[in-house]
């Protein structure tokens, strides 16, 4: 019987991707796929190109060479209008939460909806209430970000990311700066939303707890290339010395 996971279509396809900054090649001829409904973690040391990959995927800047196909459409050199339309299918959770300090929680969550869609105040309020309930923040829409803890701000960022019902969610270091208990609660929420909304996810992180709790597949970047791609168990049991140094924090004698 064919493995249904392996039989799923690719929602993102990256081919021969290259990106350099000031002569330093950060992404070096990478091929990568994300299957529909898959949760993929990209790991690696600081400066290895993890966050650059997310920025390339969402079209914040173009690659030097290669293709990035989202739902079959190559976003490289895509006109602004087409790229904006495609971004409606993508939610983004930023490392710092990136909330607008001058806006309430509810206004932060509805920001993308107001920018992209013409909805009534009643419809907007209903969506905000629904998304805040999904992240465990029901009734918090009138608070300001400064009144929230770091973990609650991250939940607002998640609510904002799912407000447009995206097919893809990109996470940039979603648990960095959080204490272990709060980080675990965010990881559980990410896993719950993934299953509930049936989204496809890419999680950029160096937190192994996030990887093992949330990801179905792991890709490790090293010197601009993909060093390994496999399941969490395969990554844990690898004999590759570079990978083992990373996952053990250099504590293992090799």
Protein backbone atom coordinates (compact mmCIF):
# COMPACT_ATOMS: atom_id res chain seq x y z
CA UNK A 1 0.00 0.00 0.00
CA UNK A 2 1.37 3.42 -0.97
CA UNK A 3 2.35 5.74 1.90
CA UNK A 4 -0.29 8.48 1.87
CA UNK A 5 2.14 11.05 3.30
CA UNK A 6 4.63 10.43 0.48
CA UNK A 7 1.76 10.55 -2.05
CA UNK A 8 0.71 14.08 -1.11
CA UNK A 9 1.31 16.91 -3.54
CA UNK A 10 4.05 19.45 -2.98
CA UNK A 11 2.64 22.80 -1.92
CA UNK A 12 6.11 24.41 -2.04
CA UNK A 13 8.90 23.39 -4.42
CA UNK A 14 12.34 24.99 -4.34
CA UNK A 15 14.84 24.23 -7.09
CA UNK A 16 18.53 25.18 -7.43
CA UNK A 17 18.09 28.13 -5.07
CA UNK A 18 21.05 30.49 -4.58
CA UNK A 19 21.29 33.66 -2.46
CA UNK A 20 24.35 35.70 -1.52
CA UNK A 21 24.89 38.79 0.60
CA UNK A 22 28.02 40.91 0.10
CA UNK A 23 29.68 38.06 -1.75
CA UNK A 24 28.86 35.51 0.96
CA UNK A 25 26.73 32.66 -0.42
CA UNK A 26 24.15 31.96 2.31
CA UNK A 27 21.93 29.63 0.25
CA UNK A 28 23.93 27.40 -2.07
CA UNK A 29 22.06 25.49 -4.79
CA UNK A 30 19.29 24.11 -2.54
CA UNK A 31 16.42 21.83 -3.56
CA UNK A 32 13.56 21.49 -1.07
CA UNK A 33 9.89 20.47 -1.04
CA UNK A 34 7.06 20.92 1.43
CA UNK A 35 4.18 18.50 1.01
CA UNK A 36 0.59 19.52 1.55
CA UNK A 37 -0.27 19.08 5.22
CA UNK A 38 3.36 18.53 6.26
CA UNK A 39 5.12 20.15 9.21
CA UNK A 40 8.79 20.73 8.32
CA UNK A 41 11.49 22.06 10.65
CA UNK A 42 14.60 23.77 9.30
CA UNK A 43 17.42 23.65 11.83
CA UNK A 44 21.05 24.68 11.90
CA UNK A 45 23.50 27.05 13.61
CA UNK A 46 23.10 30.83 13.57
CA UNK A 47 23.90 32.34 10.19
CA UNK A 48 23.29 29.15 8.22
CA UNK A 49 20.48 30.65 6.14
CA UNK A 50 17.36 29.45 7.99
CA UNK A 51 15.58 32.80 8.24
CA UNK A 52 16.80 33.75 4.76
CA UNK A 53 14.91 30.73 3.42
CA UNK A 54 11.65 32.00 4.94
CA UNK A 55 12.18 35.50 3.55
CA UNK A 56 12.84 34.06 0.09
CA UNK A 57 9.72 31.89 0.28
CA UNK A 58 7.50 34.81 1.23
CA UNK A 59 9.10 36.99 -1.44
CA UNK A 60 10.69 39.66 0.74
CA UNK A 61 13.65 39.63 -1.64
CA UNK A 62 14.51 37.65 -4.79
CA UNK A 63 17.05 34.82 -5.04
CA UNK A 64 20.14 35.23 -7.18
CA UNK A 65 19.17 32.09 -9.04
CA UNK A 66 16.62 29.28 -8.88
CA UNK A 67 12.89 28.73 -8.57
CA UNK A 68 10.41 28.95 -5.70
CA UNK A 69 7.04 27.47 -6.62
CA UNK A 70 4.06 27.87 -4.31
CA UNK A 71 1.02 25.85 -5.42
CA UNK A 72 2.71 25.51 -8.80
CA UNK A 73 3.35 29.24 -9.30
CA UNK A 74 6.94 30.46 -9.55
CA UNK A 75 7.13 33.55 -7.32
CA UNK A 76 10.56 34.60 -8.60
CA UNK A 77 10.09 37.81 -10.62
CA UNK A 78 6.34 37.68 -9.96
CA UNK A 79 4.66 41.08 -10.21
CA UNK A 80 3.63 42.75 -6.93
CA UNK A 81 -0.09 42.19 -7.45
CA UNK A 82 0.33 38.46 -8.04
CA UNK A 83 2.72 38.11 -5.11
CA UNK A 84 0.31 39.94 -2.79
CA UNK A 85 -2.48 37.57 -3.88
CA UNK A 86 -0.30 34.53 -3.19
CA UNK A 87 0.70 35.86 0.24
CA UNK A 88 -2.95 35.67 1.27
CA UNK A 89 -2.43 31.91 1.44
CA UNK A 90 0.57 32.30 3.81
CA UNK A 91 0.60 33.18 7.51
CA UNK A 92 3.82 34.34 9.18
CA UNK A 93 4.80 34.16 12.86
CA UNK A 94 7.81 36.36 13.55
CA UNK A 95 10.53 35.72 16.11
CA UNK A 96 9.75 38.89 18.07
CA UNK A 97 5.95 38.49 17.57
CA UNK A 98 6.12 41.85 15.68
CA UNK A 99 2.90 43.21 17.14
CA UNK A 100 1.95 46.85 16.61
CA UNK A 101 2.30 48.52 20.02
CA UNK A 102 -0.24 51.23 19.19
CA UNK A 103 -2.98 48.74 18.21
CA UNK A 104 -5.13 46.60 20.47
CA UNK A 105 -4.91 42.81 20.40
CA UNK A 106 -8.02 42.67 18.22
CA UNK A 107 -6.68 45.28 15.81
CA UNK A 108 -3.41 43.36 15.53
CA UNK A 109 -5.24 40.13 14.70
CA UNK A 110 -7.46 41.80 12.09
CA UNK A 111 -4.67 43.90 10.55
CA UNK A 112 -4.13 41.60 7.54
CA UNK A 113 -7.86 41.25 6.99
CA UNK A 114 -8.38 45.01 6.91
CA UNK A 115 -5.47 45.42 4.49
CA UNK A 116 -6.58 42.65 2.11
CA UNK A 117 -10.34 42.27 2.38
CA UNK A 118 -13.33 44.58 2.62
CA UNK A 119 -15.27 43.10 5.55
CA UNK A 120 -17.92 44.58 7.80
CA UNK A 121 -17.09 45.44 11.41
CA UNK A 122 -19.37 42.60 12.55
CA UNK A 123 -17.55 40.07 10.34
CA UNK A 124 -14.14 41.34 11.46
CA UNK A 125 -15.14 41.10 15.12
CA UNK A 126 -16.41 37.56 14.65
CA UNK A 127 -13.15 36.43 12.99
CA UNK A 128 -11.03 38.06 15.70
CA UNK A 129 -13.06 36.42 18.48
CA UNK A 130 -12.85 33.03 16.75
CA UNK A 131 -9.08 33.17 16.22
CA UNK A 132 -8.37 34.43 19.74
CA UNK A 133 -10.47 31.58 21.13
CA UNK A 134 -8.40 29.12 19.08
CA UNK A 135 -5.18 30.34 20.72
CA UNK A 136 -6.63 30.51 24.24
CA UNK A 137 -7.03 34.30 24.44
CA UNK A 138 -10.79 34.71 24.29
CA UNK A 139 -11.96 38.07 25.63
CA UNK A 140 -8.52 39.71 25.29
CA UNK A 141 -9.20 41.72 22.12
CA UNK A 142 -9.32 45.12 23.85
CA UNK A 143 -5.99 44.75 25.65
CA UNK A 144 -2.78 46.38 24.40
CA UNK A 145 0.32 44.27 23.61
CA UNK A 146 2.17 45.92 26.52
CA UNK A 147 -0.37 44.38 28.90
CA UNK A 148 0.49 40.86 27.76
CA UNK A 149 3.25 38.43 28.73
CA UNK A 150 5.73 37.21 26.11
CA UNK A 151 3.84 33.95 25.73
CA UNK A 152 0.52 35.76 25.27
CA UNK A 153 2.06 38.05 22.67
CA UNK A 154 3.21 34.96 20.77
CA UNK A 155 -0.35 33.63 20.88
CA UNK A 156 -1.63 36.92 19.42
CA UNK A 157 0.96 36.57 16.66
CA UNK A 158 -0.37 33.07 15.98
CA UNK A 159 -3.96 34.35 15.90
CA UNK A 160 -2.94 37.02 13.40
CA UNK A 161 -1.16 34.43 11.24
CA UNK A 162 -4.27 32.24 10.98
CA UNK A 163 -6.78 35.10 10.62
CA UNK A 164 -6.89 34.76 6.81
CA UNK A 165 -7.23 30.96 6.96
CA UNK A 166 -3.86 30.40 5.26
CA UNK A 167 -2.82 27.12 3.68
CA UNK A 168 0.82 27.64 4.73
CA UNK A 169 2.23 28.95 8.03
CA UNK A 170 5.86 30.04 8.35
CA UNK A 171 7.36 30.21 11.85
CA UNK A 172 10.61 32.12 12.48
CA UNK A 173 12.08 30.98 15.83
CA UNK A 174 8.61 30.77 17.45
CA UNK A 175 9.79 29.87 20.98
CA UNK A 176 13.00 31.90 21.26
CA UNK A 177 13.13 33.97 24.46
CA UNK A 178 10.35 32.04 26.21
CA UNK A 179 10.83 30.06 29.41
CA UNK A 180 10.61 26.24 29.00
CA UNK A 181 7.03 25.94 30.31
CA UNK A 182 5.72 28.76 28.10
CA UNK A 183 7.69 27.43 25.13
CA UNK A 184 6.12 23.98 25.61
CA UNK A 185 2.63 25.52 25.66
CA UNK A 186 3.34 27.36 22.39
CA UNK A 187 4.69 24.16 20.83
CA UNK A 188 1.53 22.30 21.87
CA UNK A 189 -0.57 25.11 20.39
CA UNK A 190 1.36 24.98 17.10
CA UNK A 191 0.81 21.22 16.90
CA UNK A 192 -2.88 21.60 17.76
CA UNK A 193 -3.45 24.31 15.13
CA UNK A 194 -1.58 22.28 12.51
CA UNK A 195 -3.90 19.33 13.05
CA UNK A 196 -7.06 21.40 13.43
CA UNK A 197 -6.52 23.67 10.42
CA UNK A 198 -4.66 21.08 8.28
CA UNK A 199 -2.08 23.64 7.27
CA UNK A 200 1.37 23.07 5.81
CA UNK A 201 4.11 24.50 8.04
CA UNK A 202 7.77 25.43 7.95
CA UNK A 203 9.35 26.04 11.35
CA UNK A 204 12.76 27.70 11.46
CA UNK A 205 14.30 27.07 14.85
CA UNK A 206 17.37 26.06 16.81
CA UNK A 207 15.21 24.82 19.71
CA UNK A 208 15.25 21.03 19.58
CA UNK A 209 12.22 20.78 21.89
CA UNK A 210 10.20 22.60 19.22
CA UNK A 211 11.52 20.31 16.50
CA UNK A 212 10.73 17.06 18.28
CA UNK A 213 7.33 18.22 19.53
CA UNK A 214 6.02 19.75 16.30
CA UNK A 215 7.88 18.56 13.18
CA UNK A 216 7.20 15.55 11.00
CA UNK A 217 10.39 16.07 8.99
CA UNK A 218 13.65 17.85 9.73
CA UNK A 219 16.05 19.56 7.34
CA UNK A 220 19.43 20.75 8.59
CA UNK A 221 21.27 23.55 6.81
CA UNK A 222 25.05 23.66 6.96
CA UNK A 223 27.28 26.02 5.00
CA UNK A 224 24.43 26.95 2.70
CA UNK A 225 23.44 23.39 1.80
CA UNK A 226 21.03 20.78 3.09
CA UNK A 227 23.04 18.36 5.19
CA UNK A 228 20.21 16.02 6.12
CA UNK A 229 16.49 15.52 5.54
CA UNK A 230 14.61 12.96 7.59
CA UNK A 231 12.16 12.23 10.39
CA UNK A 232 12.90 13.32 13.97
CA UNK A 233 13.85 9.73 14.87
CA UNK A 234 16.18 9.44 11.87
CA UNK A 235 17.84 12.72 12.85
CA UNK A 236 18.26 11.64 16.47
CA UNK A 237 19.91 8.38 15.40
CA UNK A 238 22.17 9.79 12.70
CA UNK A 239 25.88 9.02 12.76
CA UNK A 240 26.80 12.25 10.97
CA UNK A 241 29.25 14.11 13.20
CA UNK A 242 28.10 17.65 12.31
CA UNK A 243 24.47 16.81 13.04
CA UNK A 244 25.31 15.01 16.27
CA UNK A 245 27.33 18.00 17.51
CA UNK A 246 24.33 20.23 16.84
CA UNK A 247 21.69 18.06 18.50
CA UNK A 248 23.87 17.32 21.53
CA UNK A 249 25.16 20.87 21.91
CA UNK A 250 28.70 19.65 21.38
CA UNK A 251 28.60 17.59 24.56
CA UNK A 252 28.95 14.23 22.88
CA UNK A 253 32.45 12.84 22.30
CA UNK A 254 32.82 12.01 18.63
